[in-house]
Protein backbone atom coordinates (compact mmCIF):
# COMPACT_ATOMS: atom_id res chain seq x y z
CA UNK A 1 50.31 125.29 -140.11
CA UNK A 2 51.49 128.62 -140.63
CA UNK A 3 52.27 130.34 -137.26
CA UNK A 4 52.56 134.05 -137.48
CA UNK A 5 54.52 135.64 -134.32
CA UNK A 6 53.58 138.94 -133.32
CA UNK A 7 55.35 141.32 -130.70
CA UNK A 8 53.16 143.11 -128.89
CA UNK A 9 52.59 146.05 -126.42
CA UNK A 10 49.52 147.03 -124.89
CA UNK A 11 48.39 149.19 -121.98
CA UNK A 12 47.11 148.13 -118.29
CA UNK A 13 46.63 150.98 -116.01
CA UNK A 14 49.12 153.53 -117.70
CA UNK A 15 51.72 151.12 -117.86
CA UNK A 16 53.08 149.36 -120.78
CA UNK A 17 53.03 145.43 -121.50
CA UNK A 18 55.11 143.53 -123.62
CA UNK A 19 54.15 140.12 -125.31
CA UNK A 20 54.60 137.74 -127.68
CA UNK A 21 51.34 136.33 -129.72
CA UNK A 22 51.79 133.05 -131.94
CA UNK A 23 49.13 133.46 -134.02
CA UNK A 24 47.81 130.49 -136.43
CA UNK A 25 47.11 130.78 -139.94
CA UNK A 26 43.53 129.24 -138.83
CA UNK A 27 42.75 130.22 -135.51
CA UNK A 28 40.15 128.20 -133.13
CA UNK A 29 38.15 129.53 -130.93
CA UNK A 30 40.05 128.45 -128.06
CA UNK A 31 43.16 130.46 -127.02
CA UNK A 32 45.78 130.08 -124.20
CA UNK A 33 47.70 132.78 -122.48
CA UNK A 34 50.51 132.37 -119.82
CA UNK A 35 51.05 133.85 -117.22
CA UNK A 36 54.50 134.26 -115.82
CA UNK A 37 55.98 133.07 -112.03
CA UNK A 38 57.15 136.18 -109.79
CA UNK A 39 60.87 136.36 -109.70
CA UNK A 40 63.92 136.57 -112.42
CA UNK A 41 61.64 135.03 -114.96
CA UNK A 42 59.77 136.85 -118.39
CA UNK A 43 57.88 135.63 -121.14
CA UNK A 44 59.96 132.82 -122.43
CA UNK A 45 59.54 130.94 -119.47
CA UNK A 46 62.15 128.69 -117.70
CA UNK A 47 64.73 127.16 -120.66
CA UNK A 48 62.11 128.50 -123.00
CA UNK A 49 59.69 125.87 -121.80
CA UNK A 50 56.79 128.86 -123.11
CA UNK A 51 58.26 129.31 -126.04
CA UNK A 52 58.12 125.45 -127.15
CA UNK A 53 54.92 125.58 -125.13
CA UNK A 54 53.45 127.98 -127.89
CA UNK A 55 54.83 126.16 -130.15
CA UNK A 56 53.13 122.89 -130.24
CA UNK A 57 49.90 124.64 -129.15
CA UNK A 58 49.93 127.21 -132.21
CA UNK A 59 50.80 124.29 -134.67
CA UNK A 60 47.09 122.92 -133.59
CA UNK A 61 45.61 126.12 -134.10
CA UNK A 62 45.22 127.31 -130.81
CA UNK A 63 47.00 131.41 -129.96
CA UNK A 64 49.03 131.74 -127.52
CA UNK A 65 49.69 135.00 -126.07
CA UNK A 66 53.08 135.03 -123.58
CA UNK A 67 53.50 138.42 -121.61
CA UNK A 68 55.31 139.98 -118.99
CA UNK A 69 53.04 141.80 -116.45
CA UNK A 70 53.69 144.98 -115.00
CA UNK A 71 57.67 145.20 -113.25
CA UNK A 72 58.70 141.98 -114.99
CA UNK A 73 60.63 141.09 -118.19
CA UNK A 74 60.39 144.23 -120.64
CA UNK A 75 57.11 145.62 -119.14
CA UNK A 76 57.26 148.81 -117.44
CA UNK A 77 55.73 149.45 -113.92
CA UNK A 78 56.26 148.31 -110.55
CA UNK A 79 55.74 144.53 -109.83
CA UNK A 80 53.54 144.42 -107.04
CA UNK A 81 53.13 140.69 -106.42
CA UNK A 82 51.36 137.99 -108.11
CA UNK A 83 48.24 138.37 -105.29
CA UNK A 84 47.96 142.14 -107.49
CA UNK A 85 48.07 141.42 -111.37
CA UNK A 86 44.16 140.82 -111.80
CA UNK A 87 44.43 144.26 -113.98
CA UNK A 88 47.47 142.67 -116.21
CA UNK A 89 45.57 139.39 -116.69
CA UNK A 90 42.31 141.43 -117.68
CA UNK A 91 44.51 143.31 -120.25
CA UNK A 92 45.94 140.44 -121.72
CA UNK A 93 42.50 138.94 -122.37
CA UNK A 94 41.43 141.96 -123.94
CA UNK A 95 44.56 142.25 -126.21
CA UNK A 96 44.17 138.48 -127.33
CA UNK A 97 40.56 139.16 -128.40
CA UNK A 98 41.45 142.14 -130.47
CA UNK A 99 44.66 140.30 -131.95
CA UNK A 100 42.51 137.38 -132.97
CA UNK A 101 38.68 138.13 -132.98
CA UNK A 102 37.92 134.34 -133.33
CA UNK A 103 39.00 133.18 -129.70
CA UNK A 104 36.13 132.99 -128.28
CA UNK A 105 37.47 131.26 -124.59
CA UNK A 106 40.16 131.21 -123.19
CA UNK A 107 42.80 128.81 -121.36
CA UNK A 108 44.75 130.61 -118.09
CA UNK A 109 48.57 128.76 -117.85
CA UNK A 110 50.44 129.57 -114.50
CA UNK A 111 53.48 127.46 -112.61
CA UNK A 112 54.50 127.66 -109.03
CA UNK A 113 52.88 131.88 -107.95
CA UNK A 114 51.63 131.94 -111.43
CA UNK A 115 49.07 129.05 -111.00
CA UNK A 116 48.25 130.66 -107.56
CA UNK A 117 47.41 133.91 -108.95
CA UNK A 118 45.37 132.44 -111.83
CA UNK A 119 43.49 130.47 -108.91
CA UNK A 120 42.83 133.76 -107.43
CA UNK A 121 41.22 135.57 -110.36
CA UNK A 122 39.84 133.29 -113.18
CA UNK A 123 36.26 133.23 -111.90
CA UNK A 124 36.55 137.43 -112.55
CA UNK A 125 36.91 136.56 -116.43
CA UNK A 126 33.90 134.89 -118.29
CA UNK A 127 35.86 134.29 -121.22
CA UNK A 128 38.30 132.07 -119.21
CA UNK A 129 36.93 128.76 -119.27
CA UNK A 130 39.68 126.31 -118.09
CA UNK A 131 43.17 126.59 -116.08
CA UNK A 132 46.35 124.67 -116.33
CA UNK A 133 48.32 124.68 -112.99
CA UNK A 134 52.18 123.37 -112.24
CA UNK A 135 52.53 123.17 -109.15
CA UNK A 136 51.04 126.02 -106.90
CA UNK A 137 52.52 128.11 -104.67
CA UNK A 138 50.62 128.12 -100.94
CA UNK A 139 53.78 128.51 -99.08
CA UNK A 140 53.02 129.26 -94.82
CA UNK A 141 54.92 129.08 -91.76
CA UNK A 142 52.99 126.10 -90.71
CA UNK A 143 53.09 124.53 -94.48
CA UNK A 144 56.80 124.61 -94.16
CA UNK A 145 56.88 123.16 -91.26
CA UNK A 146 55.11 120.20 -91.41
CA UNK A 147 57.18 119.46 -94.60
CA UNK A 148 60.43 120.02 -92.64
CA UNK A 149 58.90 117.21 -90.46
CA UNK A 150 57.76 115.34 -92.56
CA UNK A 151 61.62 115.34 -94.24
CA UNK A 152 63.02 114.25 -91.03
CA UNK A 153 60.38 111.34 -90.28
CA UNK A 154 61.47 109.79 -93.74
CA UNK A 155 65.03 110.56 -92.99
CA UNK A 156 65.11 108.46 -90.22
CA UNK A 157 63.51 105.62 -92.66
CA UNK A 158 66.47 104.94 -94.40
CA UNK A 159 69.29 103.17 -93.56
CA UNK A 160 72.04 105.82 -95.44
CA UNK A 161 70.91 108.24 -92.40
CA UNK A 162 71.68 106.03 -89.61
CA UNK A 163 75.11 104.45 -91.46
CA UNK A 164 75.92 108.20 -91.78
CA UNK A 165 75.13 108.78 -88.57
CA UNK A 166 76.88 106.05 -87.06
CA UNK A 167 80.50 106.76 -88.53
CA UNK A 168 80.21 110.56 -87.66
CA UNK A 169 79.63 112.18 -91.24
CA UNK A 170 76.39 114.10 -90.03
CA UNK A 171 77.65 117.19 -87.64
CA UNK A 172 75.00 116.62 -84.79
CA UNK A 173 75.12 119.86 -83.71
CA UNK A 174 73.59 121.53 -86.49
CA UNK A 175 70.28 119.38 -86.63
CA UNK A 176 70.38 120.88 -82.58
CA UNK A 177 70.77 124.24 -83.40
CA UNK A 178 67.98 123.52 -86.21
CA UNK A 179 65.81 122.21 -83.61
CA UNK A 180 66.28 124.90 -81.40
CA UNK A 181 65.88 127.65 -83.59
CA UNK A 182 62.69 126.00 -85.06
CA UNK A 183 61.44 125.77 -81.36
CA UNK A 184 62.03 129.51 -80.41
CA UNK A 185 60.15 130.29 -83.14
CA UNK A 186 57.04 128.60 -82.82
CA UNK A 187 57.02 129.75 -79.16
CA UNK A 188 57.57 133.43 -80.30
CA UNK A 189 54.82 133.04 -82.65
CA UNK A 190 52.24 131.22 -80.36
CA UNK A 191 53.05 134.44 -77.67
CA UNK A 192 52.31 136.98 -80.62
CA UNK A 193 48.86 134.89 -82.29
CA UNK A 194 47.39 135.49 -78.68
CA UNK A 195 48.68 139.00 -77.87
CA UNK A 196 46.76 141.92 -78.46
CA UNK A 197 45.63 142.89 -82.07
CA UNK A 198 46.43 146.34 -83.62
CA UNK A 199 42.99 146.78 -84.02
CA UNK A 200 43.75 147.47 -88.00
CA UNK A 201 42.65 144.14 -88.90
CA UNK A 202 44.72 141.33 -91.39
CA UNK A 203 44.49 141.42 -94.97
CA UNK A 204 42.89 137.70 -96.36
CA UNK A 205 45.54 135.17 -96.41
CA UNK A 206 46.41 134.58 -100.17
CA UNK A 207 45.45 130.89 -99.56
CA UNK A 208 42.03 131.69 -98.44
CA UNK A 209 41.95 134.04 -101.65
CA UNK A 210 43.13 130.66 -103.61
CA UNK A 211 40.29 128.72 -102.24
CA UNK A 212 37.91 131.09 -102.60
CA UNK A 213 38.78 131.71 -106.34
CA UNK A 214 38.81 128.21 -107.26
CA UNK A 215 35.11 127.94 -105.53
CA UNK A 216 33.85 130.90 -107.68
CA UNK A 217 35.38 129.16 -111.38
CA UNK A 218 33.74 126.36 -112.60
CA UNK A 219 35.85 125.25 -115.28
CA UNK A 220 37.77 122.55 -115.26
CA UNK A 221 41.59 122.62 -114.14
CA UNK A 222 44.31 120.45 -115.44
CA UNK A 223 47.22 120.56 -112.28
CA UNK A 224 50.55 119.38 -112.90
CA UNK A 225 52.66 117.85 -110.18
CA UNK A 226 56.21 117.62 -109.51
CA UNK A 227 57.87 114.89 -107.31
CA UNK A 228 60.33 116.53 -106.34
CA UNK A 229 59.30 120.23 -105.69
CA UNK A 230 58.90 121.96 -102.17
CA UNK A 231 55.97 123.81 -103.59
CA UNK A 232 53.90 120.56 -104.77
CA UNK A 233 54.75 119.14 -101.23
CA UNK A 234 53.03 121.94 -99.57
CA UNK A 235 50.37 121.65 -101.28
CA UNK A 236 49.82 118.34 -100.90
CA UNK A 237 49.49 119.23 -97.49
CA UNK A 238 47.47 121.55 -97.91
CA UNK A 239 44.71 118.94 -100.01
CA UNK A 240 45.17 116.40 -97.97
CA UNK A 241 44.69 118.17 -94.03
CA UNK A 242 41.55 120.20 -96.07
CA UNK A 243 38.39 118.22 -96.91
CA UNK A 244 37.13 121.77 -98.69
CA UNK A 245 40.75 122.04 -100.51
CA UNK A 246 39.90 118.28 -101.55
CA UNK A 247 36.45 118.81 -103.22
CA UNK A 248 38.10 121.57 -105.09
CA UNK A 249 40.88 119.01 -106.21
CA UNK A 250 39.14 116.33 -106.87
CA UNK A 251 36.01 117.79 -108.52
CA UNK A 252 34.50 115.92 -111.78
CA UNK A 253 36.20 117.67 -114.54
CA UNK A 254 39.78 118.11 -113.17
CA UNK A 255 42.80 116.14 -114.19
CA UNK A 256 45.81 115.59 -112.22
CA UNK A 257 49.23 114.34 -113.90
CA UNK A 258 51.91 113.23 -111.33
CA UNK A 259 55.52 113.42 -112.87
CA UNK A 260 57.42 112.05 -109.77
CA UNK A 261 61.15 112.81 -111.17
CA UNK A 262 60.23 116.09 -112.21
CA UNK A 263 61.33 119.45 -110.40
CA UNK A 264 59.65 122.42 -109.84
CA UNK A 265 59.95 124.24 -113.06
CA UNK A 266 59.90 120.70 -115.13
CA UNK A 267 63.71 121.54 -116.33
CA UNK A 268 64.45 118.39 -117.98
CA UNK A 269 63.48 117.53 -121.14
CA UNK A 270 61.62 114.42 -120.22
CA UNK A 271 58.97 116.10 -117.91
CA UNK A 272 58.58 119.26 -120.60
CA UNK A 273 57.81 117.37 -123.27
CA UNK A 274 55.31 115.27 -121.02
CA UNK A 275 53.92 118.49 -119.79
CA UNK A 276 53.58 120.44 -122.82
CA UNK A 277 51.96 116.94 -125.00
CA UNK A 278 49.19 116.89 -121.78
CA UNK A 279 48.76 120.93 -122.26
CA UNK A 280 47.81 119.66 -126.36
CA UNK A 281 45.66 117.11 -125.46
CA UNK A 282 43.89 119.00 -122.93
CA UNK A 283 43.23 122.51 -124.81
CA UNK A 284 42.51 120.05 -128.25
CA UNK A 285 39.65 118.23 -126.00
CA UNK A 286 38.08 121.86 -124.63
């Protein structure tokens, strides 16, 4: 199928967002918008992953809009953090519908904190019918501590660890120092948590915003989970420790693809091809 690539510039609260639309000659009623992760990324994605995704989907008639939200890539404005891109997503949805009037339903794709942003905001947009989420970011001090604890417990079960220990290849002083630092941090945090508040209140933790967003979102989700990702381990612990999160993660209609050898960004050719094929199959059935 013939596919046209169209460079776009569209407004968002006084700034200009830059995007590229892959528009098939004959478009389906379902389109997809990619949301990039915060950091040194832009609309092409890590290793041009999002470009390949757009090529694969547009080949079956699915229009794809890849865009930089404010402060990212070539878009103007200041980066406000992944928790504050509701207006950017809204602008991208409006632009995709303007460029491809046939589109009635939209899938949001996001990895890392872009997945978190999609989970927070998807319910706000009636056009969004489904999410594709890669290794959602849920980091907190408590989760990081649990991941570290699990890491050391796993190491204690490995023969390689004990061989290196008894042959003097490990510097025990480093482990002791890390343990002491962690202990001091826990004591300090405990005193802080029991001390008087500032009377001004605190923002809702973004993990709670994600949970609330997913409670409000009724569409099916495809979760892409890596086996060699710190973010995926932390997300796994969050789900494992909460029956409420389990009910959202495993609810009817959701699908879970686990890639044991994949890293956070699915950087290998094999893992990239796997997730793109899964995305094409997912969107094709919507």
